[in-house]
Amino acid sequence: MTPTRIALATRLLLASLPALLACATPGLSLDELPERPIAVLYWEHDDARRRAELLQEQVEPEETHEGVASVESLRSLVGGRRDPLMRQLAQWPGRLSLIQPRTGEVSRVDAAPPGARPLSFSRDGRRLMFVHAGRGQRPQLFEVDLQTGDLHTLTRGGDSHPRGDYGPDRRLVFSGVRTSGREWVATLYVSGPGGADPQKVTQGGVYDGVRFAPNGESILYVQPGGAPRGRPVPPKLLSRALPFGEERVLTRGKDPVFSPDGSRIVYSAAVGDGWRLRRMRPDGSGRTALGQGLRDELSPAVSPDGRFVAYVGQEAHTGRLFVRRMDGTGDRLLLGSGAVAWPVW
């Protein structure tokens, strides 16, 4: 072989290495996955199709990369009157459901009303926190005991309480939103054990993606972005040490979730015109891609053993449930029928 041909062959081999390595990535066996179910808001096939068709017609082009869940997310923070798109989507509210990761079996949580959005499992997996707003009402937090089916109210009153999470000893972190005309004033609260005696931690504009660190020493939350002067600004992911530490900006991103041991934060970051999974340390260092995404990747949920990440892969206005290993390998579709949003593991 001539030197020219050797050089050409070498360049072709080097160019093909990423694809060869991707093909060599070990697949993910369903038997590897934990048995604890994944909670989702689930739409059956026909409802998922109708929602996708409506969003295809009405969602602005610059919103499409945000995904179905994100388009609705901020519009659900306050409740009360809904805009026309939200009213139409409410025809197909979906149901809070549990998905068995090893089999794909879907079972409805009958104690929860239509449209209930899952937020957090208790440490033992027995209780599931969700948010729901009745017709024309403001969102409030509830929990359901998955063994007995008993339903409990966690927040109430004139304010909206759209986001929350369990901490150690059943402590709670949650947001409260009060509206005054067109202004929103949001407050973050942290409770004592069992949800008692909530105390104000911080107050500001709007808080999304609220999370309690597993060690109980800090909280995470997201300040949504916007588009001032037509230029999109990604949301900011922030942390605050408890009880009254200073607010710190960790990175640009949304949908944060801690690993069970608290050593990692998994989140979704804006990359180009889409969203991809990332992970980092709790102080914001060590940011790295979590796999090589092929689609919009939203709402990560870390498995109870910390080895896997479930997420919503957004395709044509339809959310599909995927899972991959924490090291970024073994991407796999878990549920091919219907549509999902906001998984919790």
Protein backbone atom coordinates (compact mmCIF):
# COMPACT_ATOMS: atom_id res chain seq x y z
CA MET A 1 0.00 0.00 0.00
CA THR A 2 1.37 3.41 -0.94
CA PRO A 3 2.02 6.08 1.73
CA THR A 4 -0.86 8.13 0.34
CA ARG A 5 -3.28 5.23 0.67
CA ILE A 6 -1.99 4.42 4.17
CA ALA A 7 -2.57 8.03 5.24
CA LEU A 8 -6.07 8.00 3.72
CA ALA A 9 -6.93 4.69 5.45
CA THR A 10 -5.64 6.06 8.75
CA ARG A 11 -7.83 9.18 8.46
CA LEU A 12 -10.88 7.08 7.62
CA LEU A 13 -10.25 4.82 10.62
CA LEU A 14 -9.86 7.76 13.00
CA ALA A 15 -13.01 9.38 11.65
CA SER A 16 -14.99 6.18 12.20
CA LEU A 17 -13.75 5.51 15.75
CA PRO A 18 -16.61 7.41 17.53
CA ALA A 19 -19.22 5.38 15.65
CA LEU A 20 -17.34 2.12 16.30
CA LEU A 21 -17.08 2.92 20.01
CA ALA A 22 -20.78 3.82 20.16
CA CYS A 23 -21.64 0.46 18.59
CA ALA A 24 -19.40 -1.26 21.14
CA THR A 25 -21.14 0.41 24.09
CA PRO A 26 -22.67 -2.33 26.25
CA GLY A 27 -26.44 -2.55 26.03
CA LEU A 28 -28.64 -2.11 29.08
CA SER A 29 -30.47 -5.21 30.26
CA LEU A 30 -33.80 -4.69 31.99
CA ASP A 31 -32.69 -7.17 34.66
CA GLU A 32 -30.09 -4.61 35.78
CA LEU A 33 -32.76 -2.11 36.79
CA PRO A 34 -34.10 -1.74 40.35
CA GLU A 35 -37.59 -3.04 41.03
CA ARG A 36 -38.94 0.18 42.53
CA PRO A 37 -41.47 1.69 40.10
CA ILE A 38 -41.07 5.01 38.33
CA ALA A 39 -43.92 7.47 38.91
CA VAL A 40 -45.00 9.51 35.87
CA LEU A 41 -47.87 11.52 34.53
CA TYR A 42 -49.04 9.17 31.78
CA TRP A 43 -51.23 9.58 28.71
CA GLU A 44 -52.55 6.57 26.81
CA HIS A 45 -51.92 6.35 23.08
CA ASP A 46 -54.96 8.21 21.73
CA ASP A 47 -54.73 11.05 24.25
CA ALA A 48 -50.99 11.38 23.63
CA ARG A 49 -51.62 11.65 19.89
CA ARG A 50 -54.30 14.32 20.28
CA ARG A 51 -52.08 16.40 22.58
CA ALA A 52 -49.16 16.14 20.17
CA GLU A 53 -51.33 17.26 17.25
CA LEU A 54 -52.60 20.26 19.23
CA LEU A 55 -49.10 21.29 20.29
CA GLN A 56 -47.84 20.90 16.74
CA GLU A 57 -50.49 23.40 15.62
CA GLN A 58 -50.23 25.96 18.40
CA VAL A 59 -46.82 25.97 20.08
CA GLU A 60 -44.49 28.68 18.83
CA PRO A 61 -41.38 27.40 17.00
CA GLU A 62 -39.00 28.79 19.63
CA GLU A 63 -40.83 26.80 22.31
CA THR A 64 -40.70 23.43 20.60
CA HIS A 65 -37.26 22.46 21.93
CA GLU A 66 -38.54 22.94 25.47
CA GLY A 67 -40.75 19.86 25.14
CA VAL A 68 -44.35 19.24 26.09
CA ALA A 69 -43.65 19.18 29.82
CA SER A 70 -41.74 22.46 29.76
CA VAL A 71 -44.34 24.28 27.69
CA GLU A 72 -46.88 23.53 30.40
CA SER A 73 -44.58 23.73 33.40
CA LEU A 74 -44.42 27.47 34.06
CA ARG A 75 -48.05 27.92 33.10
CA SER A 76 -48.96 25.54 35.92
CA LEU A 77 -47.04 27.37 38.64
CA VAL A 78 -49.82 29.69 39.70
CA GLY A 79 -53.07 28.02 38.65
CA GLY A 80 -56.37 29.88 38.54
CA ARG A 81 -57.32 31.10 35.06
CA ARG A 82 -55.66 29.23 32.23
CA ASP A 83 -54.68 30.44 28.80
CA PRO A 84 -56.45 28.92 25.75
CA LEU A 85 -53.76 26.33 25.09
CA MET A 86 -53.83 25.07 28.67
CA ARG A 87 -57.62 24.84 28.58
CA GLN A 88 -57.48 22.72 25.43
CA LEU A 89 -54.73 20.47 26.80
CA ALA A 90 -56.85 19.95 29.92
CA GLN A 91 -59.17 17.80 27.82
CA TRP A 92 -56.51 15.08 28.18
CA PRO A 93 -55.10 15.54 31.69
CA GLY A 94 -53.28 12.23 31.96
CA ARG A 95 -53.13 10.07 35.08
CA LEU A 96 -50.55 9.63 37.80
CA SER A 97 -49.19 6.14 37.15
CA LEU A 98 -46.44 3.75 38.22
CA ILE A 99 -44.25 2.06 35.62
CA GLN A 100 -42.39 -1.14 36.46
CA PRO A 101 -38.95 -0.56 34.93
CA ARG A 102 -38.21 -4.24 34.27
CA THR A 103 -41.50 -5.05 32.51
CA GLY A 104 -42.97 -1.74 31.31
CA GLU A 105 -46.23 -2.53 33.12
CA VAL A 106 -48.27 0.62 33.79
CA SER A 107 -50.60 0.86 36.80
CA ARG A 108 -52.72 3.87 37.67
CA VAL A 109 -52.60 5.50 41.11
CA ASP A 110 -56.36 5.64 41.54
CA ALA A 111 -56.26 7.75 44.71
CA ALA A 112 -54.78 10.68 42.75
CA PRO A 113 -57.06 12.87 40.61
CA PRO A 114 -56.58 13.27 36.84
CA GLY A 115 -53.66 15.50 35.97
CA ALA A 116 -51.80 14.95 39.25
CA ARG A 117 -48.08 15.53 38.66
CA PRO A 118 -45.56 13.43 40.65
CA LEU A 119 -42.86 15.32 42.55
CA SER A 120 -41.03 13.06 45.00
CA PHE A 121 -40.92 9.65 46.70
CA SER A 122 -40.31 9.33 50.42
CA ARG A 123 -37.02 7.65 51.33
CA ASP A 124 -38.70 4.25 51.81
CA GLY A 125 -40.69 4.56 48.57
CA ARG A 126 -44.01 4.21 50.38
CA ARG A 127 -45.32 7.77 49.99
CA LEU A 128 -45.51 9.75 46.79
CA MET A 129 -45.81 13.55 46.77
CA PHE A 130 -47.73 15.15 43.91
CA VAL A 131 -49.15 18.52 42.93
CA HIS A 132 -52.67 19.09 41.68
CA ALA A 133 -54.94 22.03 40.98
CA GLY A 134 -58.67 21.52 40.74
CA ARG A 135 -60.59 23.42 38.11
CA GLY A 136 -59.94 27.13 38.59
CA GLN A 137 -58.05 26.45 41.83
CA ARG A 138 -54.46 27.01 42.85
CA PRO A 139 -51.96 24.12 42.91
CA GLN A 140 -51.46 22.39 46.24
CA LEU A 141 -49.25 19.54 47.42
CA PHE A 142 -50.59 16.14 48.43
CA GLU A 143 -49.15 12.74 49.24
CA VAL A 144 -50.54 9.26 48.72
CA ASP A 145 -49.60 6.20 50.75
CA LEU A 146 -49.01 3.62 48.04
CA GLN A 147 -49.64 0.70 50.41
CA THR A 148 -52.97 1.84 51.83
CA GLY A 149 -54.15 4.29 49.17
CA ASP A 150 -54.69 6.97 51.83
CA LEU A 151 -54.46 10.56 50.60
CA HIS A 152 -53.09 13.44 52.70
CA THR A 153 -53.01 17.19 52.08
CA LEU A 154 -49.58 18.76 52.63
CA THR A 155 -50.32 22.41 51.78
CA ARG A 156 -53.45 24.55 51.66
CA GLY A 157 -54.56 28.17 51.64
CA GLY A 158 -54.87 31.07 49.21
CA ASP A 159 -51.33 30.77 47.85
CA SER A 160 -50.25 28.34 45.16
CA HIS A 161 -47.85 25.60 46.27
CA PRO A 162 -46.68 24.13 42.96
CA ARG A 163 -43.32 22.50 43.80
CA GLY A 164 -41.93 20.47 46.65
CA ASP A 165 -39.64 17.65 47.75
CA TYR A 166 -39.07 15.32 50.69
CA GLY A 167 -35.98 15.68 52.84
CA PRO A 168 -34.58 13.62 55.73
CA ASP A 169 -37.02 12.83 58.57
CA ARG A 170 -39.90 13.70 56.22
CA ARG A 171 -38.91 17.35 56.25
CA LEU A 172 -40.29 19.28 53.29
CA VAL A 173 -39.06 22.01 51.00
CA PHE A 174 -41.78 23.68 48.96
CA SER A 175 -42.57 26.87 47.13
CA GLY A 176 -45.43 29.24 47.74
CA VAL A 177 -46.60 31.69 45.08
CA ARG A 178 -48.79 34.73 45.65
CA THR A 179 -50.09 36.84 42.79
CA SER A 180 -50.74 40.56 42.85
CA GLY A 181 -52.08 41.73 39.54
CA ARG A 182 -49.53 40.50 37.01
CA GLU A 183 -46.76 40.19 39.59
CA TRP A 184 -45.70 36.86 41.09
CA VAL A 185 -44.03 36.72 44.47
CA ALA A 186 -42.62 33.31 45.34
CA THR A 187 -41.31 32.07 48.68
CA LEU A 188 -39.37 28.92 49.54
CA TYR A 189 -40.17 27.16 52.82
CA VAL A 190 -38.37 24.40 54.69
CA SER A 191 -40.22 22.46 57.39
CA GLY A 192 -39.18 20.57 60.47
CA PRO A 193 -39.50 16.76 60.80
CA GLY A 194 -42.81 15.40 59.59
CA GLY A 195 -43.62 18.63 57.74
CA ALA A 196 -44.14 20.66 60.90
CA ASP A 197 -43.46 24.37 61.42
CA PRO A 198 -42.36 25.50 57.93
CA GLN A 199 -39.98 28.45 57.91
CA LYS A 200 -39.34 30.98 55.14
CA VAL A 201 -35.90 30.52 53.54
CA THR A 202 -35.91 32.97 50.65
CA GLN A 203 -38.25 35.09 48.57
CA GLY A 204 -38.06 36.18 44.96
CA GLY A 205 -39.64 35.84 41.53
CA VAL A 206 -40.49 32.26 40.58
CA TYR A 207 -38.96 29.00 41.78
CA ASP A 208 -39.10 25.73 39.88
CA GLY A 209 -37.32 22.38 40.26
CA VAL A 210 -37.19 22.50 44.07
CA ARG A 211 -35.00 19.77 45.65
CA PHE A 212 -33.81 18.84 49.17
CA ALA A 213 -30.23 17.54 49.53
CA PRO A 214 -30.18 13.96 50.93
CA ASN A 215 -28.09 15.10 53.91
CA GLY A 216 -30.58 17.86 54.70
CA GLU A 217 -27.93 20.58 54.63
CA SER A 218 -28.96 22.45 51.47
CA ILE A 219 -31.66 22.91 48.86
CA LEU A 220 -31.66 23.29 45.07
CA TYR A 221 -34.04 25.34 42.97
CA VAL A 222 -34.36 26.81 39.51
CA GLN A 223 -35.06 30.36 38.46
CA PRO A 224 -36.72 30.08 35.03
CA GLY A 225 -35.22 31.91 32.08
CA GLY A 226 -37.00 34.06 29.57
CA ALA A 227 -36.58 35.87 26.30
CA PRO A 228 -35.94 39.57 26.95
CA ARG A 229 -35.71 41.49 23.68
CA GLY A 230 -36.22 38.21 21.86
CA ARG A 231 -32.99 36.64 23.10
CA PRO A 232 -33.56 33.36 24.99
CA VAL A 233 -31.98 33.20 28.45
CA PRO A 234 -31.62 29.67 29.91
CA PRO A 235 -32.84 29.01 33.45
CA LYS A 236 -30.39 29.15 36.36
CA LEU A 237 -29.80 26.33 38.81
CA LEU A 238 -29.12 27.63 42.32
CA SER A 239 -28.33 26.21 45.75
CA ARG A 240 -28.63 27.51 49.28
CA ALA A 241 -27.16 26.08 52.47
CA LEU A 242 -29.62 25.68 55.33
CA PRO A 243 -30.85 27.30 57.41
CA PHE A 244 -29.88 30.74 56.08
CA GLY A 245 -26.86 30.38 53.80
CA GLU A 246 -26.25 32.58 50.80
CA GLU A 247 -27.69 31.79 47.41
CA ARG A 248 -25.18 30.37 44.90
CA VAL A 249 -25.56 30.03 41.14
CA LEU A 250 -24.26 26.58 40.16
CA THR A 251 -24.85 26.60 36.42
CA ARG A 252 -27.39 27.20 33.69
CA GLY A 253 -29.92 24.38 33.61
CA LYS A 254 -33.19 22.99 34.93
CA ASP A 255 -34.88 19.83 36.26
CA PRO A 256 -32.20 19.09 38.90
CA VAL A 257 -32.20 15.92 40.98
CA PHE A 258 -29.72 14.61 43.54
CA SER A 259 -28.26 11.14 43.45
CA PRO A 260 -29.38 9.22 46.59
CA ASP A 261 -25.97 9.63 48.25
CA GLY A 262 -25.88 13.35 47.43
CA SER A 263 -22.58 13.12 45.55
CA ARG A 264 -24.01 14.16 42.17
CA ILE A 265 -26.65 16.43 40.70
CA VAL A 266 -28.18 15.40 37.39
CA TYR A 267 -29.90 18.12 35.37
CA SER A 268 -30.90 19.18 31.88
CA ALA A 269 -28.79 21.81 30.13
CA ALA A 270 -29.49 23.87 27.02
CA VAL A 271 -27.20 22.69 24.21
CA GLY A 272 -27.66 24.39 20.86
CA ASP A 273 -31.38 24.37 20.19
CA GLY A 274 -32.12 21.43 22.49
CA TRP A 275 -31.63 19.97 25.97
CA ARG A 276 -29.14 17.31 27.10
CA LEU A 277 -28.47 15.54 30.38
CA ARG A 278 -25.52 16.69 32.46
CA ARG A 279 -24.14 15.80 35.88
CA MET A 280 -21.99 17.71 38.37
CA ARG A 281 -20.91 17.80 42.00
CA PRO A 282 -23.13 19.65 44.50
CA ASP A 283 -20.78 22.64 44.46
CA GLY A 284 -21.19 23.02 40.69
CA SER A 285 -17.78 21.60 39.76
CA GLY A 286 -17.08 18.61 37.54
CA ARG A 287 -19.82 19.35 35.02
CA THR A 288 -19.90 16.70 32.32
CA ALA A 289 -22.24 15.22 29.73
CA LEU A 290 -24.25 12.19 30.79
CA GLY A 291 -24.11 10.20 27.57
CA GLN A 292 -24.40 11.29 23.98
CA GLY A 293 -27.95 12.52 23.50
CA LEU A 294 -29.84 12.06 20.27
CA ARG A 295 -32.98 13.95 21.29
CA ASP A 296 -34.23 16.51 23.80
CA GLU A 297 -33.61 15.06 27.28
CA LEU A 298 -35.77 16.41 30.10
CA SER A 299 -36.79 15.68 33.70
CA PRO A 300 -34.08 13.23 34.84
CA ALA A 301 -34.88 10.89 37.76
CA VAL A 302 -32.10 8.94 39.49
CA SER A 303 -32.77 5.35 40.53
CA PRO A 304 -32.80 4.47 44.28
CA ASP A 305 -29.43 2.70 43.94
CA GLY A 306 -27.91 5.67 42.10
CA ARG A 307 -26.84 3.58 39.09
CA PHE A 308 -29.39 4.69 36.49
CA VAL A 309 -31.13 7.81 35.22
CA ALA A 310 -34.62 7.74 33.75
CA TYR A 311 -35.60 10.73 31.65
CA VAL A 312 -38.13 12.04 29.15
CA GLY A 313 -36.89 11.91 25.58
CA GLN A 314 -38.89 14.42 23.59
CA GLU A 315 -39.86 13.41 20.05
CA ALA A 316 -42.44 15.23 17.93
CA HIS A 317 -44.22 16.77 20.95
CA THR A 318 -44.45 13.37 22.64
CA GLY A 319 -42.52 12.43 25.77
CA ARG A 320 -41.03 8.92 25.82
CA LEU A 321 -39.53 7.27 28.89
CA PHE A 322 -35.86 6.33 28.50
CA VAL A 323 -33.20 5.07 30.89
CA ARG A 324 -29.40 4.99 30.81
CA ARG A 325 -26.64 4.20 33.23
CA MET A 326 -25.20 6.96 35.41
CA ASP A 327 -21.95 6.68 33.46
CA GLY A 328 -23.85 7.61 30.27
CA THR A 329 -23.89 4.18 28.60
CA GLY A 330 -26.69 1.80 27.67
CA ASP A 331 -29.45 4.20 26.57
CA ARG A 332 -32.77 2.33 26.29
CA LEU A 333 -36.45 3.07 25.67
CA LEU A 334 -38.51 1.84 28.62
CA LEU A 335 -42.02 2.56 27.41
CA GLY A 336 -42.90 2.84 23.74
CA SER A 337 -46.65 3.43 24.03
CA GLY A 338 -48.49 6.56 25.11
CA ALA A 339 -46.61 9.55 26.51
CA VAL A 340 -45.07 10.51 29.85
CA ALA A 341 -43.93 13.59 31.71
CA TRP A 342 -42.14 14.38 34.99
CA PRO A 343 -40.78 10.97 36.06
CA VAL A 344 -39.86 10.35 39.71
CA TRP A 345 -37.90 7.27 40.81
